Amino acid sequence: MTEWTKNEIRDLLIRSDLACMRGVLAIFRNQTDYEKACRATVNQNGLGFRANHAKAGSELALWMSCGNNDGVLRRSVGGIMMYGGDMINRMALCRKIALHYVEQLTYQANKRGPGCLE
């Protein structure tokens, strides 16, 4: 089994909405239960969302998981939401956030095996 590279993960996120959604959910699953509940970054453990993405990333993940903290994809992102004082397309924000975490997602993809983001 070959491992994913950062460039392969970045390319996958650029071309695949599904990979972006799964990526945001994978990052969300790395949040602690407390961080998921308060939609903030508390622990500085190098996993999960950074402080500037914690609220929006958690809201996207909860939208996709129909309000469940398990981070399982149950519906696609769509529509718009407030981010940074502006209304933004949810899918565009999902991609922006996922692309910020290429290194973390590469690690997760290699840990879980082929097909985890596709």
N, C-alpha and C. Protein backbone atom coordinates (compact mmCIF):
# COMPACT_ATOMS: atom_id res chain seq x y z
N MET A 1 0.85 -1.19 0.00
CA MET A 1 0.00 0.00 0.00
C MET A 1 0.89 1.24 0.00
N THR A 2 0.65 2.13 -0.92
CA THR A 2 1.40 3.38 -0.96
C THR A 2 0.71 4.41 -0.09
N GLU A 3 1.52 5.31 0.44
CA GLU A 3 0.96 6.35 1.29
C GLU A 3 0.58 7.57 0.46
N TRP A 4 -0.40 8.31 0.97
CA TRP A 4 -0.80 9.57 0.36
C TRP A 4 0.29 10.61 0.60
N THR A 5 0.47 11.50 -0.36
CA THR A 5 1.35 12.65 -0.17
C THR A 5 0.48 13.88 0.08
N LYS A 6 1.09 14.93 0.61
CA LYS A 6 0.36 16.17 0.82
C LYS A 6 -0.18 16.72 -0.50
N ASN A 7 0.61 16.62 -1.56
CA ASN A 7 0.15 17.11 -2.87
C ASN A 7 -1.05 16.31 -3.38
N GLU A 8 -1.05 15.01 -3.17
CA GLU A 8 -2.20 14.19 -3.60
C GLU A 8 -3.45 14.57 -2.83
N ILE A 9 -3.31 14.78 -1.52
CA ILE A 9 -4.47 15.17 -0.70
C ILE A 9 -4.96 16.55 -1.14
N ARG A 10 -4.04 17.50 -1.34
CA ARG A 10 -4.43 18.84 -1.79
C ARG A 10 -5.17 18.77 -3.12
N ASP A 11 -4.64 18.01 -4.07
CA ASP A 11 -5.30 17.87 -5.38
C ASP A 11 -6.68 17.25 -5.25
N LEU A 12 -6.81 16.25 -4.39
CA LEU A 12 -8.09 15.61 -4.17
C LEU A 12 -9.10 16.60 -3.59
N LEU A 13 -8.67 17.42 -2.64
CA LEU A 13 -9.56 18.41 -2.03
C LEU A 13 -9.98 19.48 -3.03
N ILE A 14 -9.09 19.84 -3.92
CA ILE A 14 -9.39 20.86 -4.94
C ILE A 14 -10.45 20.36 -5.91
N ARG A 15 -10.40 19.08 -6.26
CA ARG A 15 -11.32 18.57 -7.29
C ARG A 15 -12.57 17.87 -6.75
N SER A 16 -12.61 17.54 -5.46
CA SER A 16 -13.72 16.74 -4.95
C SER A 16 -14.43 17.39 -3.76
N ASP A 17 -15.71 17.73 -3.98
CA ASP A 17 -16.51 18.25 -2.87
C ASP A 17 -16.64 17.21 -1.75
N LEU A 18 -16.83 15.96 -2.14
CA LEU A 18 -16.99 14.89 -1.15
C LEU A 18 -15.74 14.76 -0.28
N ALA A 19 -14.57 14.85 -0.89
CA ALA A 19 -13.32 14.77 -0.12
C ALA A 19 -13.24 15.93 0.87
N CYS A 20 -13.67 17.11 0.48
CA CYS A 20 -13.67 18.27 1.39
C CYS A 20 -14.61 18.03 2.57
N MET A 21 -15.79 17.52 2.29
CA MET A 21 -16.74 17.25 3.36
C MET A 21 -16.18 16.20 4.31
N ARG A 22 -15.65 15.12 3.77
CA ARG A 22 -15.07 14.08 4.61
C ARG A 22 -13.86 14.60 5.37
N GLY A 23 -13.11 15.51 4.76
CA GLY A 23 -11.96 16.10 5.42
C GLY A 23 -12.35 16.92 6.63
N VAL A 24 -13.35 17.78 6.47
CA VAL A 24 -13.82 18.60 7.60
C VAL A 24 -14.35 17.70 8.72
N LEU A 25 -15.05 16.65 8.35
CA LEU A 25 -15.55 15.72 9.36
C LEU A 25 -14.41 14.99 10.07
N ALA A 26 -13.36 14.64 9.33
CA ALA A 26 -12.20 13.97 9.95
C ALA A 26 -11.53 14.90 10.95
N ILE A 27 -11.41 16.17 10.61
CA ILE A 27 -10.83 17.13 11.53
C ILE A 27 -11.71 17.29 12.76
N PHE A 28 -13.02 17.36 12.53
CA PHE A 28 -13.99 17.48 13.63
C PHE A 28 -13.89 16.30 14.59
N ARG A 29 -13.71 15.10 14.04
CA ARG A 29 -13.59 13.92 14.91
C ARG A 29 -12.36 14.00 15.81
N ASN A 30 -11.36 14.78 15.42
CA ASN A 30 -10.17 14.95 16.25
C ASN A 30 -10.36 15.96 17.37
N GLN A 31 -11.46 16.71 17.34
CA GLN A 31 -11.76 17.62 18.44
C GLN A 31 -12.14 16.78 19.67
N THR A 32 -11.83 17.30 20.85
CA THR A 32 -12.28 16.61 22.06
C THR A 32 -13.78 16.81 22.20
N ASP A 33 -14.41 16.01 23.03
CA ASP A 33 -15.86 16.15 23.25
C ASP A 33 -16.20 17.55 23.75
N TYR A 34 -15.37 18.08 24.63
CA TYR A 34 -15.61 19.43 25.16
C TYR A 34 -15.49 20.46 24.04
N GLU A 35 -14.48 20.33 23.18
CA GLU A 35 -14.31 21.26 22.07
C GLU A 35 -15.49 21.18 21.09
N LYS A 36 -15.99 19.98 20.88
CA LYS A 36 -17.16 19.82 20.00
C LYS A 36 -18.37 20.52 20.59
N ALA A 37 -18.54 20.37 21.90
CA ALA A 37 -19.71 20.96 22.57
C ALA A 37 -19.67 22.48 22.57
N CYS A 38 -18.50 23.06 22.80
CA CYS A 38 -18.43 24.52 22.88
C CYS A 38 -18.01 25.16 21.56
N ARG A 39 -17.71 24.33 20.54
CA ARG A 39 -17.33 24.81 19.20
C ARG A 39 -16.13 25.76 19.27
N ALA A 40 -15.15 25.36 20.04
CA ALA A 40 -13.94 26.15 20.21
C ALA A 40 -12.75 25.22 20.35
N THR A 41 -11.57 25.76 20.18
CA THR A 41 -10.35 25.00 20.41
C THR A 41 -9.85 25.32 21.80
N VAL A 42 -9.70 24.28 22.61
CA VAL A 42 -9.27 24.45 23.99
C VAL A 42 -7.89 23.82 24.19
N ASN A 43 -7.74 22.60 23.72
CA ASN A 43 -6.48 21.88 23.89
C ASN A 43 -5.53 22.20 22.75
N GLN A 44 -4.30 22.46 23.09
CA GLN A 44 -3.26 22.73 22.09
C GLN A 44 -2.51 21.43 21.80
N ASN A 45 -3.22 20.47 21.16
CA ASN A 45 -2.64 19.15 20.92
C ASN A 45 -2.27 18.90 19.46
N GLY A 46 -2.43 19.92 18.62
CA GLY A 46 -2.08 19.77 17.21
C GLY A 46 -3.09 18.99 16.40
N LEU A 47 -4.23 18.66 17.00
CA LEU A 47 -5.30 17.93 16.32
C LEU A 47 -6.56 18.76 16.30
N GLY A 48 -7.40 18.51 15.34
CA GLY A 48 -8.66 19.24 15.26
C GLY A 48 -8.46 20.62 14.66
N PHE A 49 -9.47 21.46 14.82
CA PHE A 49 -9.46 22.79 14.25
C PHE A 49 -8.60 23.75 15.05
N ARG A 50 -8.00 24.72 14.35
CA ARG A 50 -7.35 25.83 15.02
C ARG A 50 -8.45 26.77 15.50
N ALA A 51 -8.10 27.68 16.39
CA ALA A 51 -9.08 28.58 16.99
C ALA A 51 -9.87 29.36 15.94
N ASN A 52 -9.21 29.80 14.87
CA ASN A 52 -9.91 30.61 13.88
C ASN A 52 -10.89 29.81 13.01
N HIS A 53 -10.82 28.49 13.04
CA HIS A 53 -11.75 27.66 12.26
C HIS A 53 -12.69 26.84 13.14
N ALA A 54 -12.50 26.86 14.44
CA ALA A 54 -13.24 25.96 15.32
C ALA A 54 -14.75 26.14 15.22
N LYS A 55 -15.23 27.37 15.28
CA LYS A 55 -16.68 27.60 15.26
C LYS A 55 -17.27 27.22 13.90
N ALA A 56 -16.70 27.75 12.83
CA ALA A 56 -17.25 27.47 11.49
C ALA A 56 -17.06 26.01 11.11
N GLY A 57 -15.90 25.45 11.40
CA GLY A 57 -15.66 24.03 11.09
C GLY A 57 -16.60 23.12 11.84
N SER A 58 -16.83 23.44 13.12
CA SER A 58 -17.76 22.63 13.92
C SER A 58 -19.18 22.76 13.40
N GLU A 59 -19.57 23.98 13.03
CA GLU A 59 -20.92 24.17 12.50
C GLU A 59 -21.11 23.41 11.19
N LEU A 60 -20.10 23.45 10.32
CA LEU A 60 -20.18 22.67 9.07
C LEU A 60 -20.29 21.18 9.37
N ALA A 61 -19.45 20.70 10.27
CA ALA A 61 -19.45 19.27 10.61
C ALA A 61 -20.78 18.85 11.23
N LEU A 62 -21.31 19.67 12.10
CA LEU A 62 -22.60 19.35 12.72
C LEU A 62 -23.72 19.38 11.68
N TRP A 63 -23.64 20.29 10.71
CA TRP A 63 -24.62 20.34 9.62
C TRP A 63 -24.57 19.03 8.83
N MET A 64 -23.34 18.61 8.47
CA MET A 64 -23.18 17.41 7.66
C MET A 64 -23.54 16.13 8.42
N SER A 65 -23.37 16.15 9.74
CA SER A 65 -23.68 14.96 10.55
C SER A 65 -25.06 15.06 11.20
N CYS A 66 -25.87 16.00 10.72
CA CYS A 66 -27.24 16.21 11.23
C CYS A 66 -27.26 16.41 12.75
N GLY A 67 -26.30 17.18 13.25
CA GLY A 67 -26.27 17.52 14.67
C GLY A 67 -25.61 16.50 15.57
N ASN A 68 -25.06 15.43 15.01
CA ASN A 68 -24.40 14.41 15.81
C ASN A 68 -22.91 14.72 15.95
N ASN A 69 -22.37 14.47 17.13
CA ASN A 69 -20.95 14.72 17.39
C ASN A 69 -20.04 13.61 16.87
N ASP A 70 -20.61 12.59 16.22
CA ASP A 70 -19.79 11.46 15.77
C ASP A 70 -19.01 11.75 14.49
N GLY A 71 -19.34 12.83 13.79
CA GLY A 71 -18.61 13.19 12.58
C GLY A 71 -18.86 12.28 11.40
N VAL A 72 -20.03 11.65 11.35
CA VAL A 72 -20.38 10.77 10.24
C VAL A 72 -21.19 11.56 9.22
N LEU A 73 -20.80 11.50 7.96
CA LEU A 73 -21.47 12.23 6.89
C LEU A 73 -22.88 11.70 6.69
N ARG A 74 -23.85 12.57 6.89
CA ARG A 74 -25.26 12.21 6.72
C ARG A 74 -25.96 13.07 5.67
N ARG A 75 -25.39 14.25 5.39
CA ARG A 75 -25.94 15.09 4.33
C ARG A 75 -24.84 16.01 3.80
N SER A 76 -25.03 16.42 2.57
CA SER A 76 -24.06 17.30 1.90
C SER A 76 -24.24 18.73 2.35
N VAL A 77 -23.15 19.45 2.30
CA VAL A 77 -23.26 20.88 2.60
C VAL A 77 -23.89 21.58 1.42
N GLY A 78 -24.61 22.62 1.71
CA GLY A 78 -25.25 23.42 0.69
C GLY A 78 -25.72 24.71 1.31
N GLY A 79 -26.11 25.64 0.49
CA GLY A 79 -26.60 26.91 1.01
C GLY A 79 -25.47 27.82 1.46
N ILE A 80 -25.84 28.79 2.27
CA ILE A 80 -24.87 29.78 2.74
C ILE A 80 -24.90 29.86 4.26
N MET A 81 -23.82 30.43 4.82
CA MET A 81 -23.75 30.64 6.26
C MET A 81 -22.90 31.88 6.52
N MET A 82 -22.97 32.39 7.73
CA MET A 82 -22.19 33.55 8.12
C MET A 82 -20.79 33.11 8.52
N TYR A 83 -19.78 33.78 7.99
CA TYR A 83 -18.39 33.51 8.34
C TYR A 83 -17.60 34.80 8.20
N GLY A 84 -16.95 35.20 9.28
CA GLY A 84 -16.14 36.41 9.25
C GLY A 84 -16.94 37.66 8.93
N GLY A 85 -18.19 37.69 9.32
CA GLY A 85 -19.04 38.84 9.08
C GLY A 85 -19.68 38.88 7.70
N ASP A 86 -19.41 37.87 6.88
CA ASP A 86 -19.97 37.82 5.53
C ASP A 86 -20.75 36.52 5.33
N MET A 87 -21.69 36.55 4.40
CA MET A 87 -22.37 35.34 4.01
C MET A 87 -21.49 34.63 2.99
N ILE A 88 -21.28 33.32 3.18
CA ILE A 88 -20.40 32.56 2.30
C ILE A 88 -21.05 31.22 1.97
N ASN A 89 -20.80 30.74 0.77
CA ASN A 89 -21.29 29.44 0.34
C ASN A 89 -20.67 28.37 1.24
N ARG A 90 -21.49 27.48 1.79
CA ARG A 90 -20.98 26.45 2.70
C ARG A 90 -19.92 25.56 2.07
N MET A 91 -20.12 25.19 0.80
CA MET A 91 -19.15 24.31 0.15
C MET A 91 -17.81 25.02 -0.04
N ALA A 92 -17.85 26.29 -0.39
CA ALA A 92 -16.61 27.07 -0.55
C ALA A 92 -15.87 27.14 0.79
N LEU A 93 -16.60 27.35 1.87
CA LEU A 93 -15.98 27.40 3.20
C LEU A 93 -15.43 26.03 3.59
N CYS A 94 -16.18 24.99 3.28
CA CYS A 94 -15.75 23.63 3.57
C CYS A 94 -14.41 23.35 2.87
N ARG A 95 -14.31 23.72 1.61
CA ARG A 95 -13.06 23.52 0.85
C ARG A 95 -11.93 24.35 1.44
N LYS A 96 -12.22 25.62 1.76
CA LYS A 96 -11.20 26.51 2.34
C LYS A 96 -10.64 25.92 3.63
N ILE A 97 -11.52 25.45 4.49
CA ILE A 97 -11.08 24.88 5.76
C ILE A 97 -10.32 23.58 5.54
N ALA A 98 -10.84 22.70 4.71
CA ALA A 98 -10.17 21.42 4.46
C ALA A 98 -8.77 21.64 3.90
N LEU A 99 -8.62 22.58 2.97
CA LEU A 99 -7.31 22.84 2.37
C LEU A 99 -6.30 23.38 3.39
N HIS A 100 -6.79 24.02 4.42
CA HIS A 100 -5.90 24.53 5.47
C HIS A 100 -5.27 23.39 6.28
N TYR A 101 -5.91 22.22 6.28
CA TYR A 101 -5.48 21.11 7.12
C TYR A 101 -4.91 19.93 6.32
N VAL A 102 -4.27 20.24 5.20
CA VAL A 102 -3.73 19.19 4.33
C VAL A 102 -2.78 18.27 5.10
N GLU A 103 -1.93 18.82 5.93
CA GLU A 103 -0.97 17.99 6.66
C GLU A 103 -1.69 17.04 7.62
N GLN A 104 -2.65 17.55 8.37
CA GLN A 104 -3.41 16.71 9.29
C GLN A 104 -4.22 15.65 8.54
N LEU A 105 -4.80 16.04 7.41
CA LEU A 105 -5.60 15.10 6.62
C LEU A 105 -4.72 14.04 5.95
N THR A 106 -3.52 14.42 5.56
CA THR A 106 -2.59 13.44 4.99
C THR A 106 -2.25 12.39 6.04
N TYR A 107 -1.97 12.84 7.25
CA TYR A 107 -1.69 11.92 8.33
C TYR A 107 -2.88 10.99 8.58
N GLN A 108 -4.09 11.56 8.64
CA GLN A 108 -5.29 10.75 8.88
C GLN A 108 -5.54 9.77 7.74
N ALA A 109 -5.36 10.22 6.50
CA ALA A 109 -5.60 9.35 5.35
C ALA A 109 -4.63 8.16 5.37
N ASN A 110 -3.39 8.41 5.71
CA ASN A 110 -2.40 7.33 5.75
C ASN A 110 -2.64 6.40 6.94
N LYS A 111 -3.20 6.93 7.98
CA LYS A 111 -3.53 6.11 9.15
C LYS A 111 -4.73 5.20 8.86
N ARG A 112 -5.71 5.72 8.12
CA ARG A 112 -6.95 4.98 7.85
C ARG A 112 -6.90 4.15 6.60
N GLY A 113 -6.05 4.50 5.65
CA GLY A 113 -5.92 3.71 4.43
C GLY A 113 -6.58 4.35 3.23
N PRO A 114 -6.41 3.71 2.06
CA PRO A 114 -6.93 4.25 0.80
C PRO A 114 -8.45 4.39 0.82
N GLY A 115 -8.93 5.44 0.16
CA GLY A 115 -10.36 5.61 0.01
C GLY A 115 -11.05 6.35 1.14
N CYS A 116 -10.31 6.75 2.19
CA CYS A 116 -10.97 7.36 3.33
C CYS A 116 -11.51 8.76 3.04
N LEU A 117 -10.94 9.45 2.07
CA LEU A 117 -11.42 10.78 1.72
C LEU A 117 -12.18 10.79 0.40
N GLU A 118 -12.01 9.76 -0.41
CA GLU A 118 -12.64 9.75 -1.74
C GLU A 118 -14.11 9.42 -1.65
